[in-house]
PDB file of N, CA and C in Angstrom:
ATOM      1  N   GLN A   1      -1.534 -54.334  27.577  1.00  0.00           N
ATOM      2  CA  GLN A   1      -2.920 -54.295  27.250  1.00  0.00           C
ATOM      3  C   GLN A   1      -3.388 -52.849  27.140  1.00  0.00           C
ATOM      4  N   ALA A   2      -2.929 -52.235  26.094  1.00  0.00           N
ATOM      5  CA  ALA A   2      -3.307 -50.834  25.885  1.00  0.00           C
ATOM      6  C   ALA A   2      -4.619 -50.772  25.133  1.00  0.00           C
ATOM      7  N   ARG A   3      -5.518 -50.021  25.679  1.00  0.00           N
ATOM      8  CA  ARG A   3      -6.803 -49.805  25.013  1.00  0.00           C
ATOM      9  C   ARG A   3      -6.823 -48.391  24.454  1.00  0.00           C
ATOM     10  N   PHE A   4      -7.262 -48.262  23.232  1.00  0.00           N
ATOM     11  CA  PHE A   4      -7.327 -46.952  22.594  1.00  0.00           C
ATOM     12  C   PHE A   4      -8.730 -46.406  22.702  1.00  0.00           C
ATOM     13  N   ASP A   5      -8.804 -45.256  23.235  1.00  0.00           N
ATOM     14  CA  ASP A   5     -10.086 -44.586  23.367  1.00  0.00           C
ATOM     15  C   ASP A   5     -10.421 -43.923  22.028  1.00  0.00           C
ATOM     16  N   PRO A   6     -11.632 -44.076  21.490  1.00  0.00           N
ATOM     17  CA  PRO A   6     -11.972 -43.455  20.204  1.00  0.00           C
ATOM     18  C   PRO A   6     -11.887 -41.931  20.251  1.00  0.00           C
ATOM     19  N   VAL A   7     -12.068 -41.337  21.412  1.00  0.00           N
ATOM     20  CA  VAL A   7     -11.978 -39.876  21.525  1.00  0.00           C
ATOM     21  C   VAL A   7     -10.541 -39.427  21.316  1.00  0.00           C
ATOM     22  N   LEU A   8      -9.590 -40.201  21.834  1.00  0.00           N
ATOM     23  CA  LEU A   8      -8.190 -39.840  21.678  1.00  0.00           C
ATOM     24  C   LEU A   8      -7.737 -39.978  20.232  1.00  0.00           C
ATOM     25  N   ARG A   9      -8.311 -40.921  19.500  1.00  0.00           N
ATOM     26  CA  ARG A   9      -7.948 -41.054  18.091  1.00  0.00           C
ATOM     27  C   ARG A   9      -8.498 -39.903  17.271  1.00  0.00           C
ATOM     28  N   GLN A  10      -9.605 -39.343  17.681  1.00  0.00           N
ATOM     29  CA  GLN A  10     -10.204 -38.243  16.934  1.00  0.00           C
ATOM     30  C   GLN A  10      -9.623 -36.893  17.337  1.00  0.00           C
ATOM     31  N   ALA A  11      -8.882 -36.832  18.422  1.00  0.00           N
ATOM     32  CA  ALA A  11      -8.353 -35.556  18.891  1.00  0.00           C
ATOM     33  C   ALA A  11      -7.437 -34.881  17.871  1.00  0.00           C
ATOM     34  N   PRO A  12      -6.483 -35.584  17.251  1.00  0.00           N
ATOM     35  CA  PRO A  12      -5.648 -34.904  16.249  1.00  0.00           C
ATOM     36  C   PRO A  12      -6.457 -34.388  15.063  1.00  0.00           C
ATOM     37  N   GLU A  13      -7.461 -35.146  14.643  1.00  0.00           N
ATOM     38  CA  GLU A  13      -8.300 -34.700  13.536  1.00  0.00           C
ATOM     39  C   GLU A  13      -9.100 -33.460  13.931  1.00  0.00           C
ATOM     40  N   ALA A  14      -9.606 -33.467  15.147  1.00  0.00           N
ATOM     41  CA  ALA A  14     -10.380 -32.312  15.609  1.00  0.00           C
ATOM     42  C   ALA A  14      -9.491 -31.086  15.729  1.00  0.00           C
ATOM     43  N   MET A  15      -8.255 -31.275  16.216  1.00  0.00           N
ATOM     44  CA  MET A  15      -7.344 -30.139  16.326  1.00  0.00           C
ATOM     45  C   MET A  15      -6.977 -29.613  14.942  1.00  0.00           C
ATOM     46  N   ALA A  16      -6.804 -30.501  13.975  1.00  0.00           N
ATOM     47  CA  ALA A  16      -6.491 -30.076  12.610  1.00  0.00           C
ATOM     48  C   ALA A  16      -7.655 -29.294  12.017  1.00  0.00           C
ATOM     49  N   ASN A  17      -8.880 -29.770  12.262  1.00  0.00           N
ATOM     50  CA  ASN A  17     -10.054 -29.047  11.769  1.00  0.00           C
ATOM     51  C   ASN A  17     -10.179 -27.683  12.431  1.00  0.00           C
ATOM     52  N   THR A  18      -9.873 -27.607  13.727  1.00  0.00           N
ATOM     53  CA  THR A  18      -9.939 -26.329  14.435  1.00  0.00           C
ATOM     54  C   THR A  18      -8.901 -25.362  13.875  1.00  0.00           C
ATOM     55  N   ARG A  19      -7.692 -25.857  13.643  1.00  0.00           N
ATOM     56  CA  ARG A  19      -6.648 -24.998  13.070  1.00  0.00           C
ATOM     57  C   ARG A  19      -7.038 -24.532  11.677  1.00  0.00           C
ATOM     58  N   ARG A  20      -7.588 -25.433  10.899  1.00  0.00           N
ATOM     59  CA  ARG A  20      -7.986 -25.082   9.536  1.00  0.00           C
ATOM     60  C   ARG A  20      -9.080 -24.018   9.551  1.00  0.00           C
ATOM     61  N   SER A  21     -10.054 -24.180  10.441  1.00  0.00           N
ATOM     62  CA  SER A  21     -11.140 -23.193  10.492  1.00  0.00           C
ATOM     63  C   SER A  21     -10.630 -21.849  11.014  1.00  0.00           C
ATOM     64  N   ARG A  22      -9.687 -21.881  11.962  1.00  0.00           N
ATOM     65  CA  ARG A  22      -9.107 -20.617  12.436  1.00  0.00           C
ATOM     66  C   ARG A  22      -8.310 -19.935  11.332  1.00  0.00           C
ATOM     67  N   SER A  23      -7.577 -20.719  10.554  1.00  0.00           N
ATOM     68  CA  SER A  23      -6.804 -20.155   9.451  1.00  0.00           C
ATOM     69  C   SER A  23      -7.712 -19.529   8.408  1.00  0.00           C
ATOM     70  N   LEU A  24      -8.794 -20.224   8.088  1.00  0.00           N
ATOM     71  CA  LEU A  24      -9.738 -19.673   7.109  1.00  0.00           C
ATOM     72  C   LEU A  24     -10.401 -18.397   7.630  1.00  0.00           C
ATOM     73  N   THR A  25     -10.737 -18.388   8.915  1.00  0.00           N
ATOM     74  CA  THR A  25     -11.338 -17.194   9.503  1.00  0.00           C
ATOM     75  C   THR A  25     -10.364 -16.027   9.477  1.00  0.00           C
ATOM     76  N   LEU A  26      -9.114 -16.278   9.840  1.00  0.00           N
ATOM     77  CA  LEU A  26      -8.104 -15.230   9.816  1.00  0.00           C
ATOM     78  C   LEU A  26      -7.876 -14.718   8.398  1.00  0.00           C
ATOM     79  N   ALA A  27      -7.846 -15.614   7.418  1.00  0.00           N
ATOM     80  CA  ALA A  27      -7.683 -15.203   6.025  1.00  0.00           C
ATOM     81  C   ALA A  27      -8.858 -14.359   5.557  1.00  0.00           C
ATOM     82  N   ALA A  28     -10.065 -14.727   5.961  1.00  0.00           N
ATOM     83  CA  ALA A  28     -11.244 -13.948   5.569  1.00  0.00           C
ATOM     84  C   ALA A  28     -11.216 -12.566   6.201  1.00  0.00           C
ATOM     85  N   VAL A  29     -10.839 -12.486   7.471  1.00  0.00           N
ATOM     86  CA  VAL A  29     -10.756 -11.171   8.137  1.00  0.00           C
ATOM     87  C   VAL A  29      -9.674 -10.317   7.486  1.00  0.00           C
ATOM     88  N   ALA A  30      -8.532 -10.921   7.155  1.00  0.00           N
ATOM     89  CA  ALA A  30      -7.456 -10.173   6.497  1.00  0.00           C
ATOM     90  C   ALA A  30      -7.890  -9.687   5.124  1.00  0.00           C
ATOM     91  N   LEU A  31      -8.628 -10.507   4.386  1.00  0.00           N
ATOM     92  CA  LEU A  31      -9.122 -10.110   3.074  1.00  0.00           C
ATOM     93  C   LEU A  31     -10.094  -8.939   3.172  1.00  0.00           C
ATOM     94  N   VAL A  32     -10.988  -8.995   4.135  1.00  0.00           N
ATOM     95  CA  VAL A  32     -11.941  -7.897   4.330  1.00  0.00           C
ATOM     96  C   VAL A  32     -11.207  -6.620   4.732  1.00  0.00           C
ATOM     97  N   ALA A  33     -10.221  -6.733   5.625  1.00  0.00           N
ATOM     98  CA  ALA A  33      -9.476  -5.557   6.063  1.00  0.00           C
ATOM     99  C   ALA A  33      -8.696  -4.939   4.909  1.00  0.00           C
ATOM    100  N   CYS A  34      -8.048  -5.767   4.105  1.00  0.00           N
ATOM    101  CA  CYS A  34      -7.304  -5.246   2.955  1.00  0.00           C
ATOM    102  C   CYS A  34      -8.238  -4.606   1.929  1.00  0.00           C
ATOM    103  N   SER A  35      -9.381  -5.211   1.712  1.00  0.00           N
ATOM    104  CA  SER A  35     -10.353  -4.638   0.776  1.00  0.00           C
ATOM    105  C   SER A  35     -10.831  -3.273   1.252  1.00  0.00           C
ATOM    106  N   TYR A  36     -11.094  -3.168   2.542  1.00  0.00           N
ATOM    107  CA  TYR A  36     -11.529  -1.888   3.086  1.00  0.00           C
ATOM    108  C   TYR A  36     -10.435  -0.831   2.950  1.00  0.00           C
ATOM    109  N   LEU A  37      -9.204  -1.205   3.279  1.00  0.00           N
ATOM    110  CA  LEU A  37      -8.111  -0.241   3.193  1.00  0.00           C
ATOM    111  C   LEU A  37      -7.871   0.208   1.758  1.00  0.00           C
ATOM    112  N   LEU A  38      -7.939  -0.710   0.809  1.00  0.00           N
ATOM    113  CA  LEU A  38      -7.761  -0.319  -0.585  1.00  0.00           C
ATOM    114  C   LEU A  38      -8.909   0.547  -1.091  1.00  0.00           C
ATOM    115  N   ALA A  39     -10.102   0.263  -0.617  1.00  0.00           N
ATOM    116  CA  ALA A  39     -11.259   1.042  -1.063  1.00  0.00           C
ATOM    117  C   ALA A  39     -11.219   2.471  -0.523  1.00  0.00           C
ATOM    118  N   THR A  40     -10.662   2.658   0.657  1.00  0.00           N
ATOM    119  CA  THR A  40     -10.633   3.996   1.240  1.00  0.00           C
ATOM    120  C   THR A  40      -9.337   4.742   0.971  1.00  0.00           C
ATOM    121  N   ALA A  41      -8.288   4.042   0.534  1.00  0.00           N
ATOM    122  CA  ALA A  41      -6.997   4.700   0.349  1.00  0.00           C
ATOM    123  C   ALA A  41      -6.956   5.514  -0.931  1.00  0.00           C
ATOM    124  N   PHE A  42      -7.550   5.034  -1.989  1.00  0.00           N
ATOM    125  CA  PHE A  42      -7.457   5.692  -3.279  1.00  0.00           C
ATOM    126  C   PHE A  42      -8.820   6.212  -3.714  1.00  0.00           C
ATOM    127  N   VAL A  43      -9.282   7.205  -3.018  1.00  0.00           N
ATOM    128  CA  VAL A  43     -10.589   7.784  -3.310  1.00  0.00           C
ATOM    129  C   VAL A  43     -10.372   9.078  -4.078  1.00  0.00           C
ATOM    130  N   ALA A  44     -10.995   9.188  -5.232  1.00  0.00           N
ATOM    131  CA  ALA A  44     -10.878  10.391  -6.038  1.00  0.00           C
ATOM    132  C   ALA A  44     -11.798  11.474  -5.477  1.00  0.00           C
ATOM    133  N   PRO A  45     -11.408  12.732  -5.632  1.00  0.00           N
ATOM    134  CA  PRO A  45     -12.292  13.799  -5.168  1.00  0.00           C
ATOM    135  C   PRO A  45     -13.574  13.818  -5.988  1.00  0.00           C
ATOM    136  N   GLN A  46     -14.653  14.169  -5.338  1.00  0.00           N
ATOM    137  CA  GLN A  46     -15.937  14.198  -6.026  1.00  0.00           C
ATOM    138  C   GLN A  46     -16.057  15.467  -6.862  1.00  0.00           C
ATOM    139  N   LEU A  47     -16.840  15.380  -7.919  1.00  0.00           N
ATOM    140  CA  LEU A  47     -17.034  16.539  -8.786  1.00  0.00           C
ATOM    141  C   LEU A  47     -17.758  17.640  -8.026  1.00  0.00           C
ATOM    142  N   GLY A  48     -17.289  18.839  -8.172  1.00  0.00           N
ATOM    143  CA  GLY A  48     -17.933  19.970  -7.538  1.00  0.00           C
ATOM    144  C   GLY A  48     -17.621  20.115  -6.068  1.00  0.00           C
ATOM    145  N   ALA A  49     -16.772  19.272  -5.534  1.00  0.00           N
ATOM    146  CA  ALA A  49     -16.440  19.361  -4.110  1.00  0.00           C
ATOM    147  C   ALA A  49     -15.500  20.532  -3.871  1.00  0.00           C
ATOM    148  N   ARG A  50     -15.752  21.292  -2.867  1.00  0.00           N
ATOM    149  CA  ARG A  50     -14.924  22.442  -2.512  1.00  0.00           C
ATOM    150  C   ARG A  50     -14.324  22.207  -1.146  1.00  0.00           C
ATOM    151  N   SER A  51     -13.184  22.806  -0.908  1.00  0.00           N
ATOM    152  CA  SER A  51     -12.601  22.693   0.422  1.00  0.00           C
ATOM    153  C   SER A  51     -13.411  23.546   1.388  1.00  0.00           C
ATOM    154  N   LEU A  52     -13.187  23.358   2.664  1.00  0.00           N
ATOM    155  CA  LEU A  52     -13.968  24.058   3.671  1.00  0.00           C
ATOM    156  C   LEU A  52     -13.735  25.557   3.649  1.00  0.00           C
ATOM    157  N   ARG A  53     -12.527  25.976   3.276  1.00  0.00           N
ATOM    158  CA  ARG A  53     -12.218  27.405   3.272  1.00  0.00           C
ATOM    159  C   ARG A  53     -12.500  28.066   1.932  1.00  0.00           C
ATOM    160  N   GLY A  54     -12.910  27.288   0.939  1.00  0.00           N
ATOM    161  CA  GLY A  54     -13.242  27.859  -0.355  1.00  0.00           C
ATOM    162  C   GLY A  54     -12.032  28.083  -1.242  1.00  0.00           C
ATOM    163  N   GLU A  55     -10.871  27.571  -0.866  1.00  0.00           N
ATOM    164  CA  GLU A  55      -9.686  27.743  -1.687  1.00  0.00           C
ATOM    165  C   GLU A  55      -9.676  26.700  -2.790  1.00  0.00           C
ATOM    166  N   SER A  56      -9.072  27.039  -3.901  1.00  0.00           N
ATOM    167  CA  SER A  56      -8.941  26.089  -4.988  1.00  0.00           C
ATOM    168  C   SER A  56      -7.843  25.095  -4.655  1.00  0.00           C
ATOM    169  N   SER A  57      -8.079  23.829  -4.956  1.00  0.00           N
ATOM    170  CA  SER A  57      -7.064  22.819  -4.679  1.00  0.00           C
ATOM    171  C   SER A  57      -6.003  22.793  -5.765  1.00  0.00           C
ATOM    172  N   VAL A  58      -6.241  23.457  -6.901  1.00  0.00           N
ATOM    173  CA  VAL A  58      -5.291  23.454  -8.005  1.00  0.00           C
ATOM    174  C   VAL A  58      -4.253  24.556  -7.838  1.00  0.00           C
ATOM    175  N   ALA A  59      -4.674  25.706  -7.416  1.00  0.00           N
ATOM    176  CA  ALA A  59      -3.764  26.840  -7.288  1.00  0.00           C
ATOM    177  C   ALA A  59      -2.846  26.638  -6.093  1.00  0.00           C
ATOM    178  N   LEU A  60      -1.553  26.719  -6.359  1.00  0.00           N
ATOM    179  CA  LEU A  60      -0.583  26.599  -5.291  1.00  0.00           C
ATOM    180  C   LEU A  60      -0.321  27.979  -4.698  1.00  0.00           C
ATOM    181  N   ARG A  61      -0.119  28.031  -3.433  1.00  0.00           N
ATOM    182  CA  ARG A  61       0.106  29.309  -2.766  1.00  0.00           C
ATOM    183  C   ARG A  61       1.512  29.352  -2.220  1.00  0.00           C
ATOM    184  N   SER A  62       2.163  30.503  -2.391  1.00  0.00           N
ATOM    185  CA  SER A  62       3.510  30.658  -1.859  1.00  0.00           C
ATOM    186  C   SER A  62       3.422  31.069  -0.398  1.00  0.00           C
ATOM    187  N   ALA A  63       4.563  31.345   0.215  1.00  0.00           N
ATOM    188  CA  ALA A  63       4.588  31.704   1.628  1.00  0.00           C
ATOM    189  C   ALA A  63       3.858  33.014   1.884  1.00  0.00           C
ATOM    190  N   SER A  64       3.793  33.877   0.864  1.00  0.00           N
ATOM    191  CA  SER A  64       3.090  35.154   1.054  1.00  0.00           C
ATOM    192  C   SER A  64       1.581  34.988   0.957  1.00  0.00           C
ATOM    193  N   GLY A  65       1.129  33.826   0.500  1.00  0.00           N
ATOM    194  CA  GLY A  65      -0.302  33.588   0.433  1.00  0.00           C
ATOM    195  C   GLY A  65      -0.892  33.896  -0.923  1.00  0.00           C
ATOM    196  N   GLU A  66      -0.103  34.353  -1.872  1.00  0.00           N
ATOM    197  CA  GLU A  66      -0.603  34.720  -3.191  1.00  0.00           C
ATOM    198  C   GLU A  66      -0.059  33.747  -4.232  1.00  0.00           C
ATOM    199  N   TYR A  67      -0.900  33.310  -5.163  1.00  0.00           N
ATOM    200  CA  TYR A  67      -0.469  32.402  -6.226  1.00  0.00           C
ATOM    201  C   TYR A  67       0.369  33.193  -7.211  1.00  0.00           C
ATOM    202  N   THR A  68       1.591  32.694  -7.471  1.00  0.00           N
ATOM    203  CA  THR A  68       2.515  33.441  -8.331  1.00  0.00           C
ATOM    204  C   THR A  68       2.536  32.947  -9.760  1.00  0.00           C
ATOM    205  N   GLY A  69       2.067  31.743 -10.015  1.00  0.00           N
ATOM    206  CA  GLY A  69       2.078  31.205 -11.369  1.00  0.00           C
ATOM    207  C   GLY A  69       3.454  30.761 -11.809  1.00  0.00           C
ATOM    208  N   PHE A  70       4.370  30.537 -10.877  1.00  0.00           N
ATOM    209  CA  PHE A  70       5.744  30.155 -11.212  1.00  0.00           C
ATOM    210  C   PHE A  70       5.778  28.760 -11.802  1.00  0.00           C
ATOM    211  N   VAL A  71       6.438  28.642 -12.947  1.00  0.00           N
ATOM    212  CA  VAL A  71       6.682  27.355 -13.582  1.00  0.00           C
ATOM    213  C   VAL A  71       8.186  27.241 -13.777  1.00  0.00           C
ATOM    214  N   PRO A  72       8.810  26.162 -13.322  1.00  0.00           N
ATOM    215  CA  PRO A  72      10.261  26.039 -13.481  1.00  0.00           C
ATOM    216  C   PRO A  72      10.653  26.025 -14.953  1.00  0.00           C
ATOM    217  N   ASP A  73      11.795  26.642 -15.261  1.00  0.00           N
ATOM    218  CA  ASP A  73      12.264  26.662 -16.636  1.00  0.00           C
ATOM    219  C   ASP A  73      12.790  25.276 -17.029  1.00  0.00           C
ATOM    220  N   MET A  74      13.151  25.131 -18.302  1.00  0.00           N
ATOM    221  CA  MET A  74      13.537  23.827 -18.819  1.00  0.00           C
ATOM    222  C   MET A  74      14.793  23.285 -18.137  1.00  0.00           C
ATOM    223  N   GLN A  75      15.725  24.168 -17.791  1.00  0.00           N
ATOM    224  CA  GLN A  75      16.949  23.709 -17.140  1.00  0.00           C
ATOM    225  C   GLN A  75      16.644  23.108 -15.765  1.00  0.00           C
ATOM    226  N   ARG A  76      15.787  23.731 -15.003  1.00  0.00           N
ATOM    227  CA  ARG A  76      15.413  23.199 -13.687  1.00  0.00           C
ATOM    228  C   ARG A  76      14.618  21.905 -13.819  1.00  0.00           C
ATOM    229  N   ARG A  77      13.717  21.857 -14.790  1.00  0.00           N
ATOM    230  CA  ARG A  77      12.928  20.640 -14.983  1.00  0.00           C
ATOM    231  C   ARG A  77      13.822  19.475 -15.382  1.00  0.00           C
ATOM    232  N   THR A  78      14.801  19.726 -16.257  1.00  0.00           N
ATOM    233  CA  THR A  78      15.739  18.681 -16.656  1.00  0.00           C
ATOM    234  C   THR A  78      16.562  18.207 -15.469  1.00  0.00           C
ATOM    235  N   LEU A  79      17.016  19.147 -14.640  1.00  0.00           N
ATOM    236  CA  LEU A  79      17.786  18.784 -13.457  1.00  0.00           C
ATOM    237  C   LEU A  79      16.940  17.941 -12.494  1.00  0.00           C
ATOM    238  N   MET A  80      15.690  18.324 -12.282  1.00  0.00           N
ATOM    239  CA  MET A  80      14.809  17.557 -11.403  1.00  0.00           C
ATOM    240  C   MET A  80      14.569  16.155 -11.960  1.00  0.00           C
ATOM    241  N   ASN A  81      14.371  16.039 -13.272  1.00  0.00           N
ATOM    242  CA  ASN A  81      14.155  14.729 -13.884  1.00  0.00           C
ATOM    243  C   ASN A  81      15.390  13.842 -13.753  1.00  0.00           C
ATOM    244  N   LEU A  82      16.577  14.418 -13.975  1.00  0.00           N
ATOM    245  CA  LEU A  82      17.804  13.642 -13.817  1.00  0.00           C
ATOM    246  C   LEU A  82      17.991  13.194 -12.371  1.00  0.00           C
ATOM    247  N   LEU A  83      17.659  14.053 -11.448  1.00  0.00           N
ATOM    248  CA  LEU A  83      17.770  13.712 -10.038  1.00  0.00           C
ATOM    249  C   LEU A  83      16.837  12.559  -9.676  1.00  0.00           C
ATOM    250  N   VAL A  84      15.607  12.613 -10.158  1.00  0.00           N
ATOM    251  CA  VAL A  84      14.648  11.544  -9.879  1.00  0.00           C
ATOM    252  C   VAL A  84      15.111  10.223 -10.493  1.00  0.00           C
ATOM    253  N   VAL A  85      15.619  10.265 -11.725  1.00  0.00           N
ATOM    254  CA  VAL A  85      16.089   9.042 -12.385  1.00  0.00           C
ATOM    255  C   VAL A  85      17.298   8.479 -11.652  1.00  0.00           C
ATOM    256  N   ALA A  86      18.223   9.340 -11.231  1.00  0.00           N
ATOM    257  CA  ALA A  86      19.418   8.866 -10.530  1.00  0.00           C
ATOM    258  C   ALA A  86      19.064   8.245  -9.183  1.00  0.00           C
ATOM    259  N   ILE A  87      18.150   8.870  -8.450  1.00  0.00           N
ATOM    260  CA  ILE A  87      17.763   8.349  -7.140  1.00  0.00           C
ATOM    261  C   ILE A  87      17.020   7.025  -7.296  1.00  0.00           C
ATOM    262  N   THR A  88      16.208   6.906  -8.327  1.00  0.00           N
ATOM    263  CA  THR A  88      15.450   5.678  -8.550  1.00  0.00           C
ATOM    264  C   THR A  88      16.337   4.562  -9.110  1.00  0.00           C
ATOM    265  N   ALA A  89      17.381   4.929  -9.842  1.00  0.00           N
ATOM    266  CA  ALA A  89      18.241   3.928 -10.474  1.00  0.00           C
ATOM    267  C   ALA A  89      19.065   3.149  -9.457  1.00  0.00           C
ATOM    268  N   VAL A  90      19.427   3.780  -8.345  1.00  0.00           N
ATOM    269  CA  VAL A  90      20.283   3.099  -7.368  1.00  0.00           C
ATOM    270  C   VAL A  90      19.609   1.836  -6.817  1.00  0.00           C
ATOM    271  N   PRO A  91      18.409   1.914  -6.230  1.00  0.00           N
ATOM    272  CA  PRO A  91      17.811   0.666  -5.740  1.00  0.00           C
ATOM    273  C   PRO A  91      17.423  -0.294  -6.868  1.00  0.00           C
ATOM    274  N   ALA A  92      17.052   0.237  -8.025  1.00  0.00           N
ATOM    275  CA  ALA A  92      16.692  -0.645  -9.136  1.00  0.00           C
ATOM    276  C   ALA A  92      17.902  -1.445  -9.601  1.00  0.00           C
ATOM    277  N   LEU A  93      19.065  -0.802  -9.684  1.00  0.00           N
ATOM    278  CA  LEU A  93      20.268  -1.514 -10.102  1.00  0.00           C
ATOM    279  C   LEU A  93      20.725  -2.515  -9.043  1.00  0.00           C
ATOM    280  N   VAL A  94      20.523  -2.189  -7.777  1.00  0.00           N
ATOM    281  CA  VAL A  94      20.861  -3.138  -6.713  1.00  0.00           C
ATOM    282  C   VAL A  94      19.985  -4.386  -6.821  1.00  0.00           C
ATOM    283  N   VAL A  95      18.699  -4.203  -7.051  1.00  0.00           N
ATOM    284  CA  VAL A  95      17.796  -5.350  -7.187  1.00  0.00           C
ATOM    285  C   VAL A  95      18.140  -6.156  -8.433  1.00  0.00           C
ATOM    286  N   LEU A  96      18.356  -5.489  -9.548  1.00  0.00           N
ATOM    287  CA  LEU A  96      18.699  -6.201 -10.776  1.00  0.00           C
ATOM    288  C   LEU A  96      20.058  -6.897 -10.658  1.00  0.00           C
ATOM    289  N   GLY A  97      21.020  -6.248  -9.989  1.00  0.00           N
ATOM    290  CA  GLY A  97      22.320  -6.884  -9.785  1.00  0.00           C
ATOM    291  C   GLY A  97      22.221  -8.113  -8.916  1.00  0.00           C
ATOM    292  N   GLY A  98      21.416  -8.040  -7.865  1.00  0.00           N
ATOM    293  CA  GLY A  98      21.212  -9.210  -7.009  1.00  0.00           C
ATOM    294  C   GLY A  98      20.542 -10.342  -7.763  1.00  0.00           C
ATOM    295  N   TYR A  99      19.585 -10.000  -8.604  1.00  0.00           N
ATOM    296  CA  TYR A  99      18.903 -11.024  -9.407  1.00  0.00           C
ATOM    297  C   TYR A  99      19.866 -11.655 -10.404  1.00  0.00           C
ATOM    298  N   ALA A 100      20.700 -10.824 -11.069  1.00  0.00           N
ATOM    299  CA  ALA A 100      21.657 -11.337 -12.059  1.00  0.00           C
ATOM    300  C   ALA A 100      22.750 -12.162 -11.377  1.00  0.00           C
ATOM    301  N   PHE A 101      23.164 -11.756 -10.180  1.00  0.00           N
ATOM    302  CA  PHE A 101      24.219 -12.491  -9.479  1.00  0.00           C
ATOM    303  C   PHE A 101      23.726 -13.855  -9.010  1.00  0.00           C
ATOM    304  N   TYR A 102      22.455 -13.923  -8.666  1.00  0.00           N
ATOM    305  CA  TYR A 102      21.898 -15.186  -8.186  1.00  0.00           C
ATOM    306  C   TYR A 102      21.820 -16.174  -9.321  1.00  0.00           C
TER     307      TYR A 102
END
């Protein structure tokens, strides 16, 4: 003679609703946090903004403190480009190989 209490029948539904509302709340908080981080991560400098010391942000300074105007020659630039392509190609080929093998 088992009697079912109506509260016990509603308990699983109430727990499911509680889980659902917690999940939605967590998703909303995560969305707000990601939006804030993206909004503050990629901020462009404002027009006319100067650094605190008055130095130009464009001019690069060497160890002596004076801008030399050095620009790498074509041979160095080509070597740097090949190095970047070679370093980037290794993980790209691993990913593409794994995809092709699958």
